[in-house]
Amino acid sequence: MLESDGQRMAITADTANHHVFSLARPDWEVRFDVDKAAAEAPRRSVFGMLAADRLPFIGYHMPFPGMGYVEARNDGHHYRTPL
């Protein structure tokens, strides 16, 4: 979490490996999940917090400009660009 002058932004690194599938279906495993059974919980937790707090984030696998927001949708989340 970065904070400056009262504003916050998260850097999620590889929490999501795809801007659609990893957010919409956090229960889906990816090849790079070392502990596939435990990988779902951090995705739900991190993206749930970002959606609830309406915090911007930067993720490695997000489309240009690489920064956006998360919205809760169904049983998962949705990536939204700031524009």
PDB file of N, CA and C in Angstrom:
ATOM      1  N   MET A   1       0.854  -1.167   0.000  1.00  0.00           N
ATOM      2  CA  MET A   1       0.000   0.000   0.000  1.00  0.00           C
ATOM      3  C   MET A   1       0.897   1.226   0.000  1.00  0.00           C
ATOM      4  N   LEU A   2       0.642   2.134  -0.906  1.00  0.00           N
ATOM      5  CA  LEU A   2       1.340   3.414  -0.961  1.00  0.00           C
ATOM      6  C   LEU A   2       0.412   4.483  -0.418  1.00  0.00           C
ATOM      7  N   GLU A   3       0.989   5.427   0.309  1.00  0.00           N
ATOM      8  CA  GLU A   3       0.185   6.528   0.812  1.00  0.00           C
ATOM      9  C   GLU A   3       0.981   7.814   0.695  1.00  0.00           C
ATOM     10  N   SER A   4       0.319   8.863   0.215  1.00  0.00           N
ATOM     11  CA  SER A   4       0.949  10.162   0.082  1.00  0.00           C
ATOM     12  C   SER A   4      -0.116  11.232   0.217  1.00  0.00           C
ATOM     13  N   ASP A   5       0.114  12.155   1.104  1.00  0.00           N
ATOM     14  CA  ASP A   5      -0.776  13.306   1.269  1.00  0.00           C
ATOM     15  C   ASP A   5      -2.228  12.864   1.492  1.00  0.00           C
ATOM     16  N   GLY A   6      -2.398  11.785   2.262  1.00  0.00           N
ATOM     17  CA  GLY A   6      -3.723  11.311   2.614  1.00  0.00           C
ATOM     18  C   GLY A   6      -4.409  10.443   1.576  1.00  0.00           C
ATOM     19  N   GLN A   7      -3.753  10.191   0.445  1.00  0.00           N
ATOM     20  CA  GLN A   7      -4.339   9.334  -0.584  1.00  0.00           C
ATOM     21  C   GLN A   7      -3.589   8.014  -0.625  1.00  0.00           C
ATOM     22  N   ARG A   8      -4.330   6.934  -0.929  1.00  0.00           N
ATOM     23  CA  ARG A   8      -3.715   5.609  -0.954  1.00  0.00           C
ATOM     24  C   ARG A   8      -3.888   4.942  -2.313  1.00  0.00           C
ATOM     25  N   MET A   9      -2.949   4.047  -2.613  1.00  0.00           N
ATOM     26  CA  MET A   9      -2.988   3.229  -3.815  1.00  0.00           C
ATOM     27  C   MET A   9      -2.312   1.907  -3.486  1.00  0.00           C
ATOM     28  N   ALA A  10      -2.865   0.820  -3.993  1.00  0.00           N
ATOM     29  CA  ALA A  10      -2.288  -0.500  -3.743  1.00  0.00           C
ATOM     30  C   ALA A  10      -1.504  -0.969  -4.968  1.00  0.00           C
ATOM     31  N   ILE A  11      -0.465  -1.714  -4.717  1.00  0.00           N
ATOM     32  CA  ILE A  11       0.257  -2.416  -5.771  1.00  0.00           C
ATOM     33  C   ILE A  11       0.014  -3.897  -5.528  1.00  0.00           C
ATOM     34  N   THR A  12      -0.693  -4.534  -6.451  1.00  0.00           N
ATOM     35  CA  THR A  12      -1.099  -5.917  -6.237  1.00  0.00           C
ATOM     36  C   THR A  12      -0.156  -6.932  -6.871  1.00  0.00           C
ATOM     37  N   ALA A  13       0.821  -6.461  -7.613  1.00  0.00           N
ATOM     38  CA  ALA A  13       1.817  -7.341  -8.247  1.00  0.00           C
ATOM     39  C   ALA A  13       1.110  -8.455  -9.021  1.00  0.00           C
ATOM     40  N   ASP A  14       1.386  -9.721  -8.693  1.00  0.00           N
ATOM     41  CA  ASP A  14       0.835 -10.872  -9.407  1.00  0.00           C
ATOM     42  C   ASP A  14      -0.385 -11.476  -8.716  1.00  0.00           C
ATOM     43  N   THR A  15      -1.086 -10.723  -7.901  1.00  0.00           N
ATOM     44  CA  THR A  15      -2.284 -11.261  -7.245  1.00  0.00           C
ATOM     45  C   THR A  15      -3.280 -11.741  -8.292  1.00  0.00           C
ATOM     46  N   ALA A  16      -3.384 -11.030  -9.395  1.00  0.00           N
ATOM     47  CA  ALA A  16      -4.222 -11.442 -10.523  1.00  0.00           C
ATOM     48  C   ALA A  16      -3.321 -11.687 -11.723  1.00  0.00           C
ATOM     49  N   ASN A  17      -3.521 -12.799 -12.382  1.00  0.00           N
ATOM     50  CA  ASN A  17      -2.739 -13.103 -13.575  1.00  0.00           C
ATOM     51  C   ASN A  17      -3.454 -12.709 -14.865  1.00  0.00           C
ATOM     52  N   HIS A  18      -4.715 -12.339 -14.747  1.00  0.00           N
ATOM     53  CA  HIS A  18      -5.474 -11.876 -15.905  1.00  0.00           C
ATOM     54  C   HIS A  18      -6.513 -10.873 -15.417  1.00  0.00           C
ATOM     55  N   HIS A  19      -6.653  -9.774 -16.127  1.00  0.00           N
ATOM     56  CA  HIS A  19      -7.530  -8.692 -15.670  1.00  0.00           C
ATOM     57  C   HIS A  19      -9.012  -9.048 -15.696  1.00  0.00           C
ATOM     58  N   VAL A  20      -9.406 -10.072 -16.414  1.00  0.00           N
ATOM     59  CA  VAL A  20     -10.802 -10.494 -16.417  1.00  0.00           C
ATOM     60  C   VAL A  20     -10.983 -11.734 -15.555  1.00  0.00           C
ATOM     61  N   PHE A  21     -10.325 -12.822 -15.929  1.00  0.00           N
ATOM     62  CA  PHE A  21     -10.575 -14.113 -15.293  1.00  0.00           C
ATOM     63  C   PHE A  21     -10.170 -14.169 -13.827  1.00  0.00           C
ATOM     64  N   SER A  22      -9.020 -13.619 -13.482  1.00  0.00           N
ATOM     65  CA  SER A  22      -8.553 -13.694 -12.087  1.00  0.00           C
ATOM     66  C   SER A  22      -9.446 -12.901 -11.146  1.00  0.00           C
ATOM     67  N   LEU A  23     -10.041 -11.825 -11.641  1.00  0.00           N
ATOM     68  CA  LEU A  23     -10.928 -11.040 -10.795  1.00  0.00           C
ATOM     69  C   LEU A  23     -12.339 -11.612 -10.769  1.00  0.00           C
ATOM     70  N   ALA A  24     -12.852 -11.991 -11.927  1.00  0.00           N
ATOM     71  CA  ALA A  24     -14.223 -12.510 -11.996  1.00  0.00           C
ATOM     72  C   ALA A  24     -14.353 -13.881 -11.341  1.00  0.00           C
ATOM     73  N   ARG A  25     -13.319 -14.686 -11.445  1.00  0.00           N
ATOM     74  CA  ARG A  25     -13.365 -16.043 -10.905  1.00  0.00           C
ATOM     75  C   ARG A  25     -12.126 -16.302 -10.039  1.00  0.00           C
ATOM     76  N   PRO A  26     -12.071 -15.707  -8.857  1.00  0.00           N
ATOM     77  CA  PRO A  26     -10.890 -15.893  -7.999  1.00  0.00           C
ATOM     78  C   PRO A  26     -10.674 -17.338  -7.583  1.00  0.00           C
ATOM     79  N   ASP A  27     -11.687 -18.180  -7.757  1.00  0.00           N
ATOM     80  CA  ASP A  27     -11.548 -19.595  -7.414  1.00  0.00           C
ATOM     81  C   ASP A  27     -10.824 -20.386  -8.510  1.00  0.00           C
ATOM     82  N   TRP A  28     -10.695 -19.822  -9.705  1.00  0.00           N
ATOM     83  CA  TRP A  28      -9.992 -20.524 -10.778  1.00  0.00           C
ATOM     84  C   TRP A  28      -8.494 -20.509 -10.511  1.00  0.00           C
ATOM     85  N   GLU A  29      -7.877 -21.635 -10.640  1.00  0.00           N
ATOM     86  CA  GLU A  29      -6.435 -21.771 -10.430  1.00  0.00           C
ATOM     87  C   GLU A  29      -5.692 -21.386 -11.702  1.00  0.00           C
ATOM     88  N   VAL A  30      -4.473 -20.934 -11.511  1.00  0.00           N
ATOM     89  CA  VAL A  30      -3.582 -20.699 -12.645  1.00  0.00           C
ATOM     90  C   VAL A  30      -2.329 -21.538 -12.449  1.00  0.00           C
ATOM     91  N   ARG A  31      -1.654 -21.780 -13.521  1.00  0.00           N
ATOM     92  CA  ARG A  31      -0.461 -22.630 -13.490  1.00  0.00           C
ATOM     93  C   ARG A  31       0.566 -22.158 -12.477  1.00  0.00           C
ATOM     94  N   PHE A  32       0.640 -20.872 -12.252  1.00  0.00           N
ATOM     95  CA  PHE A  32       1.683 -20.313 -11.393  1.00  0.00           C
ATOM     96  C   PHE A  32       1.332 -20.318  -9.904  1.00  0.00           C
ATOM     97  N   ASP A  33       0.120 -20.703  -9.546  1.00  0.00           N
ATOM     98  CA  ASP A  33      -0.251 -20.818  -8.130  1.00  0.00           C
ATOM     99  C   ASP A  33       0.535 -21.972  -7.514  1.00  0.00           C
ATOM    100  N   VAL A  34       1.420 -21.664  -6.593  1.00  0.00           N
ATOM    101  CA  VAL A  34       2.226 -22.712  -5.959  1.00  0.00           C
ATOM    102  C   VAL A  34       1.344 -23.598  -5.087  1.00  0.00           C
ATOM    103  N   ASP A  35       0.494 -22.990  -4.276  1.00  0.00           N
ATOM    104  CA  ASP A  35      -0.452 -23.734  -3.445  1.00  0.00           C
ATOM    105  C   ASP A  35      -1.843 -23.446  -3.991  1.00  0.00           C
ATOM    106  N   LYS A  36      -2.280 -24.257  -4.931  1.00  0.00           N
ATOM    107  CA  LYS A  36      -3.532 -23.987  -5.643  1.00  0.00           C
ATOM    108  C   LYS A  36      -4.737 -23.923  -4.716  1.00  0.00           C
ATOM    109  N   ALA A  37      -4.757 -24.753  -3.694  1.00  0.00           N
ATOM    110  CA  ALA A  37      -5.884 -24.773  -2.759  1.00  0.00           C
ATOM    111  C   ALA A  37      -5.967 -23.487  -1.943  1.00  0.00           C
ATOM    112  N   ALA A  38      -4.839 -22.862  -1.664  1.00  0.00           N
ATOM    113  CA  ALA A  38      -4.812 -21.665  -0.821  1.00  0.00           C
ATOM    114  C   ALA A  38      -4.801 -20.362  -1.628  1.00  0.00           C
ATOM    115  N   ALA A  39      -4.689 -20.424  -2.931  1.00  0.00           N
ATOM    116  CA  ALA A  39      -4.519 -19.215  -3.744  1.00  0.00           C
ATOM    117  C   ALA A  39      -5.780 -18.362  -3.847  1.00  0.00           C
ATOM    118  N   GLU A  40      -6.933 -18.964  -3.704  1.00  0.00           N
ATOM    119  CA  GLU A  40      -8.185 -18.220  -3.842  1.00  0.00           C
ATOM    120  C   GLU A  40      -8.367 -17.172  -2.743  1.00  0.00           C
ATOM    121  N   ALA A  41      -8.047 -17.519  -1.515  1.00  0.00           N
ATOM    122  CA  ALA A  41      -8.298 -16.627  -0.366  1.00  0.00           C
ATOM    123  C   ALA A  41      -7.622 -15.267  -0.505  1.00  0.00           C
ATOM    124  N   PRO A  42      -6.337 -15.189  -0.864  1.00  0.00           N
ATOM    125  CA  PRO A  42      -5.735 -13.858  -1.013  1.00  0.00           C
ATOM    126  C   PRO A  42      -6.356 -13.040  -2.146  1.00  0.00           C
ATOM    127  N   ARG A  43      -6.723 -13.699  -3.237  1.00  0.00           N
ATOM    128  CA  ARG A  43      -7.369 -12.954  -4.330  1.00  0.00           C
ATOM    129  C   ARG A  43      -8.683 -12.352  -3.845  1.00  0.00           C
ATOM    130  N   ARG A  44      -9.490 -13.138  -3.166  1.00  0.00           N
ATOM    131  CA  ARG A  44     -10.770 -12.619  -2.655  1.00  0.00           C
ATOM    132  C   ARG A  44     -10.548 -11.496  -1.645  1.00  0.00           C
ATOM    133  N   SER A  45      -9.590 -11.692  -0.756  1.00  0.00           N
ATOM    134  CA  SER A  45      -9.332 -10.717   0.300  1.00  0.00           C
ATOM    135  C   SER A  45      -8.835  -9.383  -0.262  1.00  0.00           C
ATOM    136  N   VAL A  46      -7.816  -9.437  -1.095  1.00  0.00           N
ATOM    137  CA  VAL A  46      -7.217  -8.213  -1.637  1.00  0.00           C
ATOM    138  C   VAL A  46      -8.219  -7.461  -2.507  1.00  0.00           C
ATOM    139  N   PHE A  47      -8.851  -8.154  -3.447  1.00  0.00           N
ATOM    140  CA  PHE A  47      -9.758  -7.457  -4.352  1.00  0.00           C
ATOM    141  C   PHE A  47     -11.059  -7.067  -3.666  1.00  0.00           C
ATOM    142  N   GLY A  48     -11.463  -7.812  -2.655  1.00  0.00           N
ATOM    143  CA  GLY A  48     -12.614  -7.413  -1.856  1.00  0.00           C
ATOM    144  C   GLY A  48     -12.353  -6.129  -1.100  1.00  0.00           C
ATOM    145  N   MET A  49     -11.162  -5.995  -0.529  1.00  0.00           N
ATOM    146  CA  MET A  49     -10.781  -4.778   0.194  1.00  0.00           C
ATOM    147  C   MET A  49     -10.690  -3.584  -0.756  1.00  0.00           C
ATOM    148  N   LEU A  50     -10.092  -3.794  -1.933  1.00  0.00           N
ATOM    149  CA  LEU A  50      -9.979  -2.700  -2.902  1.00  0.00           C
ATOM    150  C   LEU A  50     -11.355  -2.224  -3.363  1.00  0.00           C
ATOM    151  N   ALA A  51     -12.277  -3.161  -3.581  1.00  0.00           N
ATOM    152  CA  ALA A  51     -13.630  -2.782  -4.003  1.00  0.00           C
ATOM    153  C   ALA A  51     -14.369  -2.062  -2.884  1.00  0.00           C
ATOM    154  N   ALA A  52     -14.292  -2.597  -1.676  1.00  0.00           N
ATOM    155  CA  ALA A  52     -15.005  -1.998  -0.546  1.00  0.00           C
ATOM    156  C   ALA A  52     -14.496  -0.602  -0.226  1.00  0.00           C
ATOM    157  N   ASP A  53     -13.199  -0.410  -0.301  1.00  0.00           N
ATOM    158  CA  ASP A  53     -12.593   0.886   0.035  1.00  0.00           C
ATOM    159  C   ASP A  53     -12.457   1.819  -1.168  1.00  0.00           C
ATOM    160  N   ARG A  54     -12.824   1.333  -2.351  1.00  0.00           N
ATOM    161  CA  ARG A  54     -12.731   2.103  -3.593  1.00  0.00           C
ATOM    162  C   ARG A  54     -11.337   2.682  -3.808  1.00  0.00           C
ATOM    163  N   LEU A  55     -10.345   1.815  -3.619  1.00  0.00           N
ATOM    164  CA  LEU A  55      -8.957   2.232  -3.763  1.00  0.00           C
ATOM    165  C   LEU A  55      -8.431   1.926  -5.162  1.00  0.00           C
ATOM    166  N   PRO A  56      -7.682   2.837  -5.740  1.00  0.00           N
ATOM    167  CA  PRO A  56      -7.032   2.518  -7.012  1.00  0.00           C
ATOM    168  C   PRO A  56      -5.902   1.520  -6.771  1.00  0.00           C
ATOM    169  N   PHE A  57      -5.579   0.763  -7.809  1.00  0.00           N
ATOM    170  CA  PHE A  57      -4.473  -0.182  -7.690  1.00  0.00           C
ATOM    171  C   PHE A  57      -3.724  -0.305  -9.001  1.00  0.00           C
ATOM    172  N   ILE A  58      -2.504  -0.766  -8.887  1.00  0.00           N
ATOM    173  CA  ILE A  58      -1.664  -1.083 -10.032  1.00  0.00           C
ATOM    174  C   ILE A  58      -1.391  -2.574  -9.971  1.00  0.00           C
ATOM    175  N   GLY A  59      -1.616  -3.256 -11.073  1.00  0.00           N
ATOM    176  CA  GLY A  59      -1.348  -4.683 -11.147  1.00  0.00           C
ATOM    177  C   GLY A  59      -0.505  -4.992 -12.361  1.00  0.00           C
ATOM    178  N   TYR A  60       0.330  -5.998 -12.256  1.00  0.00           N
ATOM    179  CA  TYR A  60       1.242  -6.335 -13.353  1.00  0.00           C
ATOM    180  C   TYR A  60       0.526  -6.719 -14.641  1.00  0.00           C
ATOM    181  N   HIS A  61      -0.632  -7.324 -14.560  1.00  0.00           N
ATOM    182  CA  HIS A  61      -1.293  -7.866 -15.747  1.00  0.00           C
ATOM    183  C   HIS A  61      -2.557  -7.103 -16.119  1.00  0.00           C
ATOM    184  N   MET A  62      -2.638  -5.869 -15.706  1.00  0.00           N
ATOM    185  CA  MET A  62      -3.795  -5.044 -16.030  1.00  0.00           C
ATOM    186  C   MET A  62      -3.539  -4.334 -17.360  1.00  0.00           C
ATOM    187  N   PRO A  63      -4.599  -4.071 -18.136  1.00  0.00           N
ATOM    188  CA  PRO A  63      -4.405  -3.376 -19.412  1.00  0.00           C
ATOM    189  C   PRO A  63      -4.004  -1.917 -19.195  1.00  0.00           C
ATOM    190  N   PHE A  64      -3.490  -1.312 -20.250  1.00  0.00           N
ATOM    191  CA  PHE A  64      -3.063   0.080 -20.196  1.00  0.00           C
ATOM    192  C   PHE A  64      -4.186   0.939 -19.635  1.00  0.00           C
ATOM    193  N   PRO A  65      -3.930   1.786 -18.709  1.00  0.00           N
ATOM    194  CA  PRO A  65      -2.651   2.290 -18.242  1.00  0.00           C
ATOM    195  C   PRO A  65      -2.043   1.499 -17.075  1.00  0.00           C
ATOM    196  N   GLY A  66      -2.593   0.341 -16.769  1.00  0.00           N
ATOM    197  CA  GLY A  66      -2.039  -0.490 -15.695  1.00  0.00           C
ATOM    198  C   GLY A  66      -2.581  -0.153 -14.322  1.00  0.00           C
ATOM    199  N   MET A  67      -3.361   0.900 -14.234  1.00  0.00           N
ATOM    200  CA  MET A  67      -3.971   1.299 -12.972  1.00  0.00           C
ATOM    201  C   MET A  67      -5.481   1.324 -13.156  1.00  0.00           C
ATOM    202  N   GLY A  68      -6.193   0.918 -12.112  1.00  0.00           N
ATOM    203  CA  GLY A  68      -7.644   0.950 -12.201  1.00  0.00           C
ATOM    204  C   GLY A  68      -8.293   0.712 -10.854  1.00  0.00           C
ATOM    205  N   TYR A  69      -9.539   0.334 -10.902  1.00  0.00           N
ATOM    206  CA  TYR A  69     -10.347   0.087  -9.711  1.00  0.00           C
ATOM    207  C   TYR A  69     -10.994  -1.283  -9.827  1.00  0.00           C
ATOM    208  N   VAL A  70     -11.475  -1.772  -8.705  1.00  0.00           N
ATOM    209  CA  VAL A  70     -12.174  -3.048  -8.662  1.00  0.00           C
ATOM    210  C   VAL A  70     -13.601  -2.796  -8.195  1.00  0.00           C
ATOM    211  N   GLU A  71     -14.534  -3.443  -8.860  1.00  0.00           N
ATOM    212  CA  GLU A  71     -15.928  -3.394  -8.434  1.00  0.00           C
ATOM    213  C   GLU A  71     -16.380  -4.811  -8.117  1.00  0.00           C
ATOM    214  N   ALA A  72     -17.170  -4.962  -7.060  1.00  0.00           N
ATOM    215  CA  ALA A  72     -17.737  -6.275  -6.748  1.00  0.00           C
ATOM    216  C   ALA A  72     -18.755  -6.621  -7.825  1.00  0.00           C
ATOM    217  N   ARG A  73     -18.726  -7.881  -8.247  1.00  0.00           N
ATOM    218  CA  ARG A  73     -19.677  -8.332  -9.269  1.00  0.00           C
ATOM    219  C   ARG A  73     -19.925  -9.822  -9.068  1.00  0.00           C
ATOM    220  N   ASN A  74     -21.177 -10.165  -8.866  1.00  0.00           N
ATOM    221  CA  ASN A  74     -21.571 -11.555  -8.630  1.00  0.00           C
ATOM    222  C   ASN A  74     -20.734 -12.142  -7.489  1.00  0.00           C
ATOM    223  N   ASP A  75     -20.052 -13.243  -7.740  1.00  0.00           N
ATOM    224  CA  ASP A  75     -19.230 -13.875  -6.704  1.00  0.00           C
ATOM    225  C   ASP A  75     -17.761 -13.501  -6.847  1.00  0.00           C
ATOM    226  N   GLY A  76     -17.477 -12.511  -7.682  1.00  0.00           N
ATOM    227  CA  GLY A  76     -16.092 -12.108  -7.920  1.00  0.00           C
ATOM    228  C   GLY A  76     -16.002 -10.603  -8.035  1.00  0.00           C
ATOM    229  N   HIS A  77     -15.140 -10.160  -8.950  1.00  0.00           N
ATOM    230  CA  HIS A  77     -14.899  -8.727  -9.120  1.00  0.00           C
ATOM    231  C   HIS A  77     -14.727  -8.390 -10.585  1.00  0.00           C
ATOM    232  N   HIS A  78     -14.686  -7.094 -10.858  1.00  0.00           N
ATOM    233  CA  HIS A  78     -14.547  -6.590 -12.216  1.00  0.00           C
ATOM    234  C   HIS A  78     -13.513  -5.468 -12.195  1.00  0.00           C
ATOM    235  N   TYR A  79     -12.615  -5.456 -13.171  1.00  0.00           N
ATOM    236  CA  TYR A  79     -11.609  -4.410 -13.312  1.00  0.00           C
ATOM    237  C   TYR A  79     -12.194  -3.245 -14.097  1.00  0.00           C
ATOM    238  N   ARG A  80     -11.938  -2.043 -13.617  1.00  0.00           N
ATOM    239  CA  ARG A  80     -12.423  -0.836 -14.279  1.00  0.00           C
ATOM    240  C   ARG A  80     -11.273   0.150 -14.381  1.00  0.00           C
ATOM    241  N   THR A  81     -11.051   0.682 -15.568  1.00  0.00           N
ATOM    242  CA  THR A  81     -10.006   1.693 -15.752  1.00  0.00           C
ATOM    243  C   THR A  81     -10.486   3.026 -15.183  1.00  0.00           C
ATOM    244  N   PRO A  82      -9.560   3.914 -14.847  1.00  0.00           N
ATOM    245  CA  PRO A  82      -9.949   5.178 -14.225  1.00  0.00           C
ATOM    246  C   PRO A  82     -10.624   6.162 -15.164  1.00  0.00           C
ATOM    247  N   LEU A  83     -10.589   5.933 -16.452  1.00  0.00           N
ATOM    248  CA  LEU A  83     -11.149   6.894 -17.404  1.00  0.00           C
ATOM    249  C   LEU A  83     -12.601   6.637 -17.683  1.00  0.00           C
TER     250      LEU A  83
END
